[in-house]
Amino acid sequence: MSEAKKQTQANAAQRYQVSRSDLPVHCPMEGTTLWNSHPMVYLPIEEQGGEAKCPYCGAVYALKD
């Protein structure tokens, strides 16, 4: 499978469920295409009670465990 087919579109969803194994969380996530997205930003999800919002695209990331 080509590298392009392994990647997903950046900012395709507005809410993402992440686990502790995904920490540190950043937006956009690994495996997304970055050409049409914003700069990568790390989100302080643990410091904000298990949920953080990306200041660029507004996507919400929530810890599920």
C-alpha atoms as a PDB file:
ATOM      1  CA  MET A   1       0.000   0.000   0.000  1.00  0.00           C
ATOM      2  CA  SER A   2       1.389   3.408  -0.883  1.00  0.00           C
ATOM      3  CA  GLU A   3       2.175   6.020   1.765  1.00  0.00           C
ATOM      4  CA  ALA A   4      -0.593   8.300   0.476  1.00  0.00           C
ATOM      5  CA  LYS A   5      -3.227   5.612   0.998  1.00  0.00           C
ATOM      6  CA  LYS A   6      -2.093   5.017   4.606  1.00  0.00           C
ATOM      7  CA  GLN A   7      -2.690   8.641   5.567  1.00  0.00           C
ATOM      8  CA  THR A   8      -6.032  10.172   6.437  1.00  0.00           C
ATOM      9  CA  GLN A   9      -7.249  13.659   5.691  1.00  0.00           C
ATOM     10  CA  ALA A  10      -6.182  16.204   8.288  1.00  0.00           C
ATOM     11  CA  ASN A  11      -8.927  17.796  10.392  1.00  0.00           C
ATOM     12  CA  ALA A  12     -11.533  15.407   8.993  1.00  0.00           C
ATOM     13  CA  ALA A  13     -13.335  15.106  12.339  1.00  0.00           C
ATOM     14  CA  GLN A  14     -14.204  17.615  15.024  1.00  0.00           C
ATOM     15  CA  ARG A  15     -13.902  15.190  17.954  1.00  0.00           C
ATOM     16  CA  TYR A  16     -11.232  12.563  18.581  1.00  0.00           C
ATOM     17  CA  GLN A  17     -11.058   9.916  21.295  1.00  0.00           C
ATOM     18  CA  VAL A  18      -7.451   9.273  22.341  1.00  0.00           C
ATOM     19  CA  SER A  19      -5.868   6.945  24.870  1.00  0.00           C
ATOM     20  CA  ARG A  20      -2.955   7.448  27.239  1.00  0.00           C
ATOM     21  CA  SER A  21      -0.754   5.538  24.801  1.00  0.00           C
ATOM     22  CA  ASP A  22      -1.314   8.422  22.340  1.00  0.00           C
ATOM     23  CA  LEU A  23       0.193  10.977  24.743  1.00  0.00           C
ATOM     24  CA  PRO A  24       1.517  13.533  24.172  1.00  0.00           C
ATOM     25  CA  VAL A  25      -1.440  14.515  21.987  1.00  0.00           C
ATOM     26  CA  HIS A  26      -0.936  16.889  19.113  1.00  0.00           C
ATOM     27  CA  CYS A  27      -3.078  18.213  16.315  1.00  0.00           C
ATOM     28  CA  PRO A  28      -3.003  17.175  13.568  1.00  0.00           C
ATOM     29  CA  MET A  29      -2.518  13.545  14.625  1.00  0.00           C
ATOM     30  CA  GLU A  30       0.070  11.125  13.243  1.00  0.00           C
ATOM     31  CA  GLY A  31      -0.850   9.642   9.882  1.00  0.00           C
ATOM     32  CA  THR A  32      -2.713  12.667   8.549  1.00  0.00           C
ATOM     33  CA  THR A  33      -1.756  14.596   5.486  1.00  0.00           C
ATOM     34  CA  LEU A  34      -0.273  17.919   6.495  1.00  0.00           C
ATOM     35  CA  TRP A  35      -0.262  19.836   3.239  1.00  0.00           C
ATOM     36  CA  ASN A  36      -3.739  21.267   3.816  1.00  0.00           C
ATOM     37  CA  SER A  37      -3.614  21.577   7.573  1.00  0.00           C
ATOM     38  CA  HIS A  38      -2.251  23.905  10.222  1.00  0.00           C
ATOM     39  CA  PRO A  39       1.084  23.749  12.090  1.00  0.00           C
ATOM     40  CA  MET A  40       1.361  20.913  14.606  1.00  0.00           C
ATOM     41  CA  VAL A  41       0.470  21.990  18.124  1.00  0.00           C
ATOM     42  CA  TYR A  42       0.754  19.900  21.310  1.00  0.00           C
ATOM     43  CA  LEU A  43      -2.367  19.911  23.472  1.00  0.00           C
ATOM     44  CA  PRO A  44      -2.275  19.874  27.310  1.00  0.00           C
ATOM     45  CA  ILE A  45      -5.033  17.277  27.547  1.00  0.00           C
ATOM     46  CA  GLU A  46      -4.075  15.915  30.986  1.00  0.00           C
ATOM     47  CA  GLU A  47      -3.716  19.375  32.515  1.00  0.00           C
ATOM     48  CA  GLN A  48      -7.179  20.317  31.230  1.00  0.00           C
ATOM     49  CA  GLY A  49      -9.088  17.469  32.850  1.00  0.00           C
ATOM     50  CA  GLY A  50      -8.882  14.960  30.001  1.00  0.00           C
ATOM     51  CA  GLU A  51     -10.130  17.160  27.184  1.00  0.00           C
ATOM     52  CA  ALA A  52      -8.415  19.781  25.022  1.00  0.00           C
ATOM     53  CA  LYS A  53      -9.385  21.888  22.025  1.00  0.00           C
ATOM     54  CA  CYS A  54      -7.053  22.709  19.145  1.00  0.00           C
ATOM     55  CA  PRO A  55      -6.592  26.489  18.885  1.00  0.00           C
ATOM     56  CA  TYR A  56      -6.212  26.276  15.091  1.00  0.00           C
ATOM     57  CA  CYS A  57      -9.031  24.040  13.853  1.00  0.00           C
ATOM     58  CA  GLY A  58     -11.263  23.673  16.915  1.00  0.00           C
ATOM     59  CA  ALA A  59     -11.055  19.869  17.029  1.00  0.00           C
ATOM     60  CA  VAL A  60     -11.677  18.466  20.508  1.00  0.00           C
ATOM     61  CA  TYR A  61      -9.503  15.649  21.857  1.00  0.00           C
ATOM     62  CA  ALA A  62     -10.785  13.580  24.797  1.00  0.00           C
ATOM     63  CA  LEU A  63      -9.029  10.885  26.829  1.00  0.00           C
ATOM     64  CA  LYS A  64     -11.016   7.666  26.786  1.00  0.00           C
ATOM     65  CA  ASP A  65      -9.043   5.864  29.524  1.00  0.00           C
END
